[in-house]
Amino acid sequence: MNRRPTLLAAIALTATAALSLSACGSDDSPKGKDSDKIAGADTGKETSASPSPSASDSAGRPKITFPSDAKNVFEYEKTGDAVKDAVLADSTLSVNSVDEAILKGTADTKALGFYNTGKALESSITYAQQYIDGGDTWTGVTRYFRYKVNLSGENKAYVTYCSDESKSYVKNRKTGQVDKSPAVADSYPLYHTSLTRNADGVWQTASISSNGGDKSCHQ
């Protein structure tokens, strides 16, 4: 089974859980760059960066590290608009923060709560925890492309992008065995995200939804 489509189930599971909590009157919830270099990633058309550990972008930003056998590739061109480019950069760091939690085997990482908030943080924790509880991690390369960004006022933005998850796989953390099952339609989802800028100027992903096997993402 390819790794990313599991996020579709995680989003649905989180939404169901939220409805259940609302019905019970509970308020319990999980805890929680503008730069050319993106930790744990290559950036395709925009620039090229090593997937090896690298320093944080600036003071206060947590460092994100990946092992050598896992990599995210982000393909987008800078817009020339400083705000939009900052949104895009932090959007990629949100993705990397979730994958770092899976790779490290813990949802208690600094980056996860730094680059995600609200419903997106809840679904990200659920998604990562599925791997952790199952004794799994992932390996390979995931490619992100066809980015579109729109601003809504000074502190809100919307980003959509495609993903090619056909070359990333579930890996058993204990045995190292990799499940290289063939790619399926859901290996090419279209993601819809909203981001909000916090008081520190970080564009945090606040919500995320996806369409598995979206035709616009097939190449």
C-alpha atoms as a PDB file:
ATOM      1  CA  MET A   1       0.000   0.000   0.000  1.00  0.00           C
ATOM      2  CA  ASN A   2       1.320   3.471  -0.839  1.00  0.00           C
ATOM      3  CA  ARG A   3       1.592   5.709   2.179  1.00  0.00           C
ATOM      4  CA  ARG A   4      -0.178   9.006   1.451  1.00  0.00           C
ATOM      5  CA  PRO A   5      -3.740   7.874   0.652  1.00  0.00           C
ATOM      6  CA  THR A   6      -4.054   6.970   4.334  1.00  0.00           C
ATOM      7  CA  LEU A   7      -4.437  10.703   4.955  1.00  0.00           C
ATOM      8  CA  LEU A   8      -7.843  10.611   3.280  1.00  0.00           C
ATOM      9  CA  ALA A   9      -9.064   8.214   5.951  1.00  0.00           C
ATOM     10  CA  ALA A  10      -7.387  10.227   8.692  1.00  0.00           C
ATOM     11  CA  ILE A  11      -9.237  13.379   7.655  1.00  0.00           C
ATOM     12  CA  ALA A  12     -12.546  11.528   7.643  1.00  0.00           C
ATOM     13  CA  LEU A  13     -11.776   9.922  10.995  1.00  0.00           C
ATOM     14  CA  THR A  14     -10.927  13.266  12.556  1.00  0.00           C
ATOM     15  CA  ALA A  15     -14.134  14.827  11.233  1.00  0.00           C
ATOM     16  CA  THR A  16     -16.183  11.948  12.667  1.00  0.00           C
ATOM     17  CA  ALA A  17     -14.426  12.262  16.004  1.00  0.00           C
ATOM     18  CA  ALA A  18     -15.087  16.006  16.072  1.00  0.00           C
ATOM     19  CA  LEU A  19     -18.793  15.440  15.505  1.00  0.00           C
ATOM     20  CA  SER A  20     -18.887  12.841  18.278  1.00  0.00           C
ATOM     21  CA  LEU A  21     -17.123  15.167  20.705  1.00  0.00           C
ATOM     22  CA  SER A  22     -19.510  17.970  19.810  1.00  0.00           C
ATOM     23  CA  ALA A  23     -22.492  15.737  20.446  1.00  0.00           C
ATOM     24  CA  CYS A  24     -21.099  14.803  23.856  1.00  0.00           C
ATOM     25  CA  GLY A  25     -20.319  18.400  24.757  1.00  0.00           C
ATOM     26  CA  SER A  26     -16.623  17.618  25.175  1.00  0.00           C
ATOM     27  CA  ASP A  27     -13.818  20.065  24.386  1.00  0.00           C
ATOM     28  CA  ASP A  28     -11.001  17.510  24.549  1.00  0.00           C
ATOM     29  CA  SER A  29      -8.552  17.739  21.635  1.00  0.00           C
ATOM     30  CA  PRO A  30      -5.090  16.379  20.779  1.00  0.00           C
ATOM     31  CA  LYS A  31      -2.102  18.411  21.909  1.00  0.00           C
ATOM     32  CA  GLY A  32      -0.518  19.961  20.209  1.00  0.00           C
ATOM     33  CA  LYS A  33      10.212  30.563   4.598  1.00  0.00           C
ATOM     34  CA  ASP A  34      10.452  32.378   2.895  1.00  0.00           C
ATOM     35  CA  SER A  35      13.714  30.630   2.022  1.00  0.00           C
ATOM     36  CA  ASP A  36      15.078  28.611  -0.859  1.00  0.00           C
ATOM     37  CA  LYS A  37      16.053  25.710   1.397  1.00  0.00           C
ATOM     38  CA  ILE A  38      13.380  23.340   2.662  1.00  0.00           C
ATOM     39  CA  ALA A  39      14.401  20.764   5.248  1.00  0.00           C
ATOM     40  CA  GLY A  40      13.838  17.218   4.079  1.00  0.00           C
ATOM     41  CA  ALA A  41      13.005  18.199   0.551  1.00  0.00           C
ATOM     42  CA  ASP A  42      13.956  18.969  -3.011  1.00  0.00           C
ATOM     43  CA  THR A  43      12.064  21.892  -4.475  1.00  0.00           C
ATOM     44  CA  GLY A  44      12.085  21.041  -8.156  1.00  0.00           C
ATOM     45  CA  LYS A  45      11.655  24.072 -10.431  1.00  0.00           C
ATOM     46  CA  GLU A  46      12.121  26.598  -7.661  1.00  0.00           C
ATOM     47  CA  THR A  47      15.458  25.435  -6.311  1.00  0.00           C
ATOM     48  CA  SER A  48      17.325  22.350  -5.187  1.00  0.00           C
ATOM     49  CA  ALA A  49      17.879  21.441  -1.561  1.00  0.00           C
ATOM     50  CA  SER A  50      19.325  18.447   0.194  1.00  0.00           C
ATOM     51  CA  PRO A  51      16.937  16.039   1.933  1.00  0.00           C
ATOM     52  CA  SER A  52      19.471  15.686   4.724  1.00  0.00           C
ATOM     53  CA  PRO A  53      19.059  17.485   8.081  1.00  0.00           C
ATOM     54  CA  SER A  54      19.467  21.239   7.888  1.00  0.00           C
ATOM     55  CA  ALA A  55      19.227  24.213  10.210  1.00  0.00           C
ATOM     56  CA  SER A  56      15.979  26.033  10.859  1.00  0.00           C
ATOM     57  CA  ASP A  57      15.179  29.017   8.608  1.00  0.00           C
ATOM     58  CA  SER A  58      15.336  31.583  11.373  1.00  0.00           C
ATOM     59  CA  ALA A  59      15.348  31.992  15.127  1.00  0.00           C
ATOM     60  CA  GLY A  60      12.495  30.108  16.748  1.00  0.00           C
ATOM     61  CA  ARG A  61      11.695  27.868  13.793  1.00  0.00           C
ATOM     62  CA  PRO A  62      12.214  24.183  14.587  1.00  0.00           C
ATOM     63  CA  LYS A  63      14.602  22.129  12.495  1.00  0.00           C
ATOM     64  CA  ILE A  64      12.986  19.360  10.442  1.00  0.00           C
ATOM     65  CA  THR A  65      15.075  16.303   9.652  1.00  0.00           C
ATOM     66  CA  PHE A  66      14.509  13.299   7.397  1.00  0.00           C
ATOM     67  CA  PRO A  67      16.486  10.051   7.090  1.00  0.00           C
ATOM     68  CA  SER A  68      18.340   9.485   3.835  1.00  0.00           C
ATOM     69  CA  ASP A  69      15.755   7.068   2.393  1.00  0.00           C
ATOM     70  CA  ALA A  70      12.794   9.478   2.537  1.00  0.00           C
ATOM     71  CA  LYS A  71      12.323  12.643   0.540  1.00  0.00           C
ATOM     72  CA  ASN A  72       9.611  15.118  -0.457  1.00  0.00           C
ATOM     73  CA  VAL A  73      10.023  17.009  -3.724  1.00  0.00           C
ATOM     74  CA  PHE A  74       8.153  20.310  -4.075  1.00  0.00           C
ATOM     75  CA  GLU A  75       7.813  21.756  -7.561  1.00  0.00           C
ATOM     76  CA  TYR A  76       6.681  25.355  -7.840  1.00  0.00           C
ATOM     77  CA  GLU A  77       7.993  28.630  -9.117  1.00  0.00           C
ATOM     78  CA  LYS A  78       8.156  31.653  -6.866  1.00  0.00           C
ATOM     79  CA  THR A  79       5.372  34.118  -7.616  1.00  0.00           C
ATOM     80  CA  GLY A  80       7.379  37.283  -6.999  1.00  0.00           C
ATOM     81  CA  ASP A  81       4.899  38.258  -4.295  1.00  0.00           C
ATOM     82  CA  ALA A  82       6.659  38.055  -0.914  1.00  0.00           C
ATOM     83  CA  VAL A  83       3.503  37.099   0.987  1.00  0.00           C
ATOM     84  CA  LYS A  84       2.439  34.385  -1.458  1.00  0.00           C
ATOM     85  CA  ASP A  85       5.951  32.977  -1.513  1.00  0.00           C
ATOM     86  CA  ALA A  86       5.990  32.846   2.294  1.00  0.00           C
ATOM     87  CA  VAL A  87       2.648  31.015   2.245  1.00  0.00           C
ATOM     88  CA  LEU A  88       3.974  28.450  -0.228  1.00  0.00           C
ATOM     89  CA  ALA A  89       7.149  27.897   1.768  1.00  0.00           C
ATOM     90  CA  ASP A  90       5.307  27.355   5.053  1.00  0.00           C
ATOM     91  CA  SER A  91       2.821  25.090   3.283  1.00  0.00           C
ATOM     92  CA  THR A  92       5.673  22.765   2.318  1.00  0.00           C
ATOM     93  CA  LEU A  93       7.010  22.864   5.866  1.00  0.00           C
ATOM     94  CA  SER A  94       3.597  21.775   7.116  1.00  0.00           C
ATOM     95  CA  VAL A  95       3.825  18.692   4.893  1.00  0.00           C
ATOM     96  CA  ASN A  96       7.368  18.007   6.059  1.00  0.00           C
ATOM     97  CA  SER A  97       6.399  18.374   9.714  1.00  0.00           C
ATOM     98  CA  VAL A  98       3.779  15.637   9.410  1.00  0.00           C
ATOM     99  CA  ASP A  99       6.185  13.299   7.642  1.00  0.00           C
ATOM    100  CA  GLU A 100       8.894  14.004  10.200  1.00  0.00           C
ATOM    101  CA  ALA A 101       6.534  12.856  12.977  1.00  0.00           C
ATOM    102  CA  ILE A 102       5.939   9.579  11.136  1.00  0.00           C
ATOM    103  CA  LEU A 103       9.636   9.085  10.452  1.00  0.00           C
ATOM    104  CA  LYS A 104      10.589   9.785  14.074  1.00  0.00           C
ATOM    105  CA  GLY A 105       7.789   7.624  15.426  1.00  0.00           C
ATOM    106  CA  THR A 106       6.238  10.326  17.605  1.00  0.00           C
ATOM    107  CA  ALA A 107       3.578  13.005  17.153  1.00  0.00           C
ATOM    108  CA  ASP A 108       5.215  14.996  19.941  1.00  0.00           C
ATOM    109  CA  THR A 109       7.512  17.018  17.707  1.00  0.00           C
ATOM    110  CA  LYS A 110       8.036  20.769  17.755  1.00  0.00           C
ATOM    111  CA  ALA A 111       7.422  21.234  14.048  1.00  0.00           C
ATOM    112  CA  LEU A 112       4.035  19.495  13.933  1.00  0.00           C
ATOM    113  CA  GLY A 113       2.355  22.043  16.199  1.00  0.00           C
ATOM    114  CA  PHE A 114       4.456  24.879  14.802  1.00  0.00           C
ATOM    115  CA  TYR A 115       3.288  24.589  11.192  1.00  0.00           C
ATOM    116  CA  ASN A 116      -0.227  23.206  11.784  1.00  0.00           C
ATOM    117  CA  THR A 117      -3.180  24.363  13.830  1.00  0.00           C
ATOM    118  CA  GLY A 118      -6.854  23.611  14.429  1.00  0.00           C
ATOM    119  CA  LYS A 119      -8.453  20.849  12.396  1.00  0.00           C
ATOM    120  CA  ALA A 120      -5.325  20.385  10.294  1.00  0.00           C
ATOM    121  CA  LEU A 121      -3.269  19.672  13.409  1.00  0.00           C
ATOM    122  CA  GLU A 122      -5.868  17.189  14.667  1.00  0.00           C
ATOM    123  CA  SER A 123      -6.003  15.275  11.376  1.00  0.00           C
ATOM    124  CA  SER A 124      -2.201  15.377  11.070  1.00  0.00           C
ATOM    125  CA  ILE A 125      -1.805  13.835  14.517  1.00  0.00           C
ATOM    126  CA  THR A 126      -4.383  11.170  13.634  1.00  0.00           C
ATOM    127  CA  TYR A 127      -2.589  10.438  10.373  1.00  0.00           C
ATOM    128  CA  ALA A 128       0.851  10.182  11.967  1.00  0.00           C
ATOM    129  CA  GLN A 129      -0.462   8.116  14.864  1.00  0.00           C
ATOM    130  CA  GLN A 130      -1.847   5.504  12.457  1.00  0.00           C
ATOM    131  CA  TYR A 131       1.691   4.794  11.317  1.00  0.00           C
ATOM    132  CA  ILE A 132       3.161   4.938  14.790  1.00  0.00           C
ATOM    133  CA  ASP A 133       0.567   2.604  16.321  1.00  0.00           C
ATOM    134  CA  GLY A 134       1.002   0.192  13.425  1.00  0.00           C
ATOM    135  CA  GLY A 135       4.764   0.073  13.858  1.00  0.00           C
ATOM    136  CA  ASP A 136       5.281   1.603  10.420  1.00  0.00           C
ATOM    137  CA  THR A 137       7.158   4.453   8.823  1.00  0.00           C
ATOM    138  CA  TRP A 138       7.680   5.272   5.138  1.00  0.00           C
ATOM    139  CA  THR A 139      10.386   5.346   2.522  1.00  0.00           C
ATOM    140  CA  GLY A 140      10.788   6.672  -1.008  1.00  0.00           C
ATOM    141  CA  VAL A 141       9.929   9.933  -2.747  1.00  0.00           C
ATOM    142  CA  THR A 142       6.717  11.941  -2.820  1.00  0.00           C
ATOM    143  CA  ARG A 143       6.337  14.690  -5.392  1.00  0.00           C
ATOM    144  CA  TYR A 144       4.154  17.798  -4.968  1.00  0.00           C
ATOM    145  CA  PHE A 145       3.280  19.992  -7.935  1.00  0.00           C
ATOM    146  CA  ARG A 146       0.694  22.267  -9.647  1.00  0.00           C
ATOM    147  CA  TYR A 147       0.593  24.715  -6.788  1.00  0.00           C
ATOM    148  CA  LYS A 148      -1.956  27.509  -6.694  1.00  0.00           C
ATOM    149  CA  VAL A 149      -2.063  30.124  -3.950  1.00  0.00           C
ATOM    150  CA  ASN A 150      -4.661  32.796  -3.208  1.00  0.00           C
ATOM    151  CA  LEU A 151      -4.690  35.375  -0.430  1.00  0.00           C
ATOM    152  CA  SER A 152      -7.758  36.404   1.567  1.00  0.00           C
ATOM    153  CA  GLY A 153      -6.999  39.546   3.508  1.00  0.00           C
ATOM    154  CA  GLU A 154      -3.752  39.919   5.413  1.00  0.00           C
ATOM    155  CA  ASN A 155      -3.817  36.739   7.471  1.00  0.00           C
ATOM    156  CA  LYS A 156      -5.524  34.002   5.484  1.00  0.00           C
ATOM    157  CA  ALA A 157      -4.553  32.098   2.350  1.00  0.00           C
ATOM    158  CA  TYR A 158      -5.624  29.094   0.318  1.00  0.00           C
ATOM    159  CA  VAL A 159      -3.225  26.665  -1.343  1.00  0.00           C
ATOM    160  CA  THR A 160      -4.074  23.755  -3.645  1.00  0.00           C
ATOM    161  CA  TYR A 161      -1.584  21.266  -5.022  1.00  0.00           C
ATOM    162  CA  CYS A 162      -1.266  17.814  -6.515  1.00  0.00           C
ATOM    163  CA  SER A 163       0.756  14.922  -5.220  1.00  0.00           C
ATOM    164  CA  ASP A 164       2.361  11.917  -6.866  1.00  0.00           C
ATOM    165  CA  GLU A 165       2.626   9.341  -4.106  1.00  0.00           C
ATOM    166  CA  SER A 166       3.308   6.354  -6.326  1.00  0.00           C
ATOM    167  CA  LYS A 167       6.964   6.116  -5.328  1.00  0.00           C
ATOM    168  CA  SER A 168       6.627   6.270  -1.544  1.00  0.00           C
ATOM    169  CA  TYR A 169       5.879   3.150   0.463  1.00  0.00           C
ATOM    170  CA  VAL A 170       4.987   1.868   3.893  1.00  0.00           C
ATOM    171  CA  LYS A 171       8.013   0.481   5.734  1.00  0.00           C
ATOM    172  CA  ASN A 172       7.868  -1.676   8.848  1.00  0.00           C
ATOM    173  CA  ARG A 173       9.911   0.104  11.479  1.00  0.00           C
ATOM    174  CA  LYS A 174      11.120  -3.078  13.188  1.00  0.00           C
ATOM    175  CA  THR A 175      11.843  -5.394  10.248  1.00  0.00           C
ATOM    176  CA  GLY A 176      12.607  -2.793   7.590  1.00  0.00           C
ATOM    177  CA  GLN A 177      10.307  -4.605   5.153  1.00  0.00           C
ATOM    178  CA  VAL A 178       8.890  -2.318   2.461  1.00  0.00           C
ATOM    179  CA  ASP A 179       5.449  -2.836   0.917  1.00  0.00           C
ATOM    180  CA  LYS A 180       5.849  -1.961  -2.764  1.00  0.00           C
ATOM    181  CA  SER A 181       2.300  -2.655  -3.848  1.00  0.00           C
ATOM    182  CA  PRO A 182       1.393  -1.087  -7.229  1.00  0.00           C
ATOM    183  CA  ALA A 183       0.145   2.482  -7.310  1.00  0.00           C
ATOM    184  CA  VAL A 184      -3.608   3.065  -7.377  1.00  0.00           C
ATOM    185  CA  ALA A 185      -5.779   6.008  -8.421  1.00  0.00           C
ATOM    186  CA  ASP A 186      -5.659   7.475  -4.905  1.00  0.00           C
ATOM    187  CA  SER A 187      -1.889   7.764  -5.233  1.00  0.00           C
ATOM    188  CA  TYR A 188      -2.489  11.032  -7.139  1.00  0.00           C
ATOM    189  CA  PRO A 189      -4.633  13.230  -4.862  1.00  0.00           C
ATOM    190  CA  LEU A 190      -5.472  16.905  -5.108  1.00  0.00           C
ATOM    191  CA  TYR A 191      -5.093  18.757  -1.802  1.00  0.00           C
ATOM    192  CA  HIS A 192      -7.041  21.842  -0.708  1.00  0.00           C
ATOM    193  CA  THR A 193      -5.616  23.710   2.267  1.00  0.00           C
ATOM    194  CA  SER A 194      -6.251  26.927   4.143  1.00  0.00           C
ATOM    195  CA  LEU A 195      -3.533  28.702   6.094  1.00  0.00           C
ATOM    196  CA  THR A 196      -3.617  31.452   8.718  1.00  0.00           C
ATOM    197  CA  ARG A 197      -0.764  33.739   9.711  1.00  0.00           C
ATOM    198  CA  ASN A 198      -0.145  33.727  13.451  1.00  0.00           C
ATOM    199  CA  ALA A 199       1.243  36.501  15.628  1.00  0.00           C
ATOM    200  CA  ASP A 200       4.806  35.350  14.890  1.00  0.00           C
ATOM    201  CA  GLY A 201       4.285  35.589  11.137  1.00  0.00           C
ATOM    202  CA  VAL A 202       4.167  31.827  10.541  1.00  0.00           C
ATOM    203  CA  TRP A 203       1.638  30.639   7.980  1.00  0.00           C
ATOM    204  CA  GLN A 204       0.090  27.640   9.713  1.00  0.00           C
ATOM    205  CA  THR A 205      -2.019  25.098   7.836  1.00  0.00           C
ATOM    206  CA  ALA A 206      -5.451  25.308   9.489  1.00  0.00           C
ATOM    207  CA  SER A 207      -7.533  22.938   7.360  1.00  0.00           C
ATOM    208  CA  ILE A 208      -6.896  20.306   4.734  1.00  0.00           C
ATOM    209  CA  SER A 209      -9.040  18.180   2.464  1.00  0.00           C
ATOM    210  CA  SER A 210      -8.179  16.003  -0.514  1.00  0.00           C
ATOM    211  CA  ASN A 211      -9.644  14.369  -3.585  1.00  0.00           C
ATOM    212  CA  GLY A 212      -8.057  10.981  -4.183  1.00  0.00           C
ATOM    213  CA  GLY A 213      -7.222  10.082  -7.753  1.00  0.00           C
ATOM    214  CA  ASP A 214      -8.089  13.524  -9.080  1.00  0.00           C
ATOM    215  CA  LYS A 215      -7.797  13.626 -12.879  1.00  0.00           C
ATOM    216  CA  SER A 216      -6.026  16.975 -12.802  1.00  0.00           C
ATOM    217  CA  CYS A 217      -3.137  15.380 -10.909  1.00  0.00           C
ATOM    218  CA  HIS A 218      -2.422  12.554 -13.353  1.00  0.00           C
ATOM    219  CA  GLN A 219       0.544  13.098 -15.657  1.00  0.00           C
END
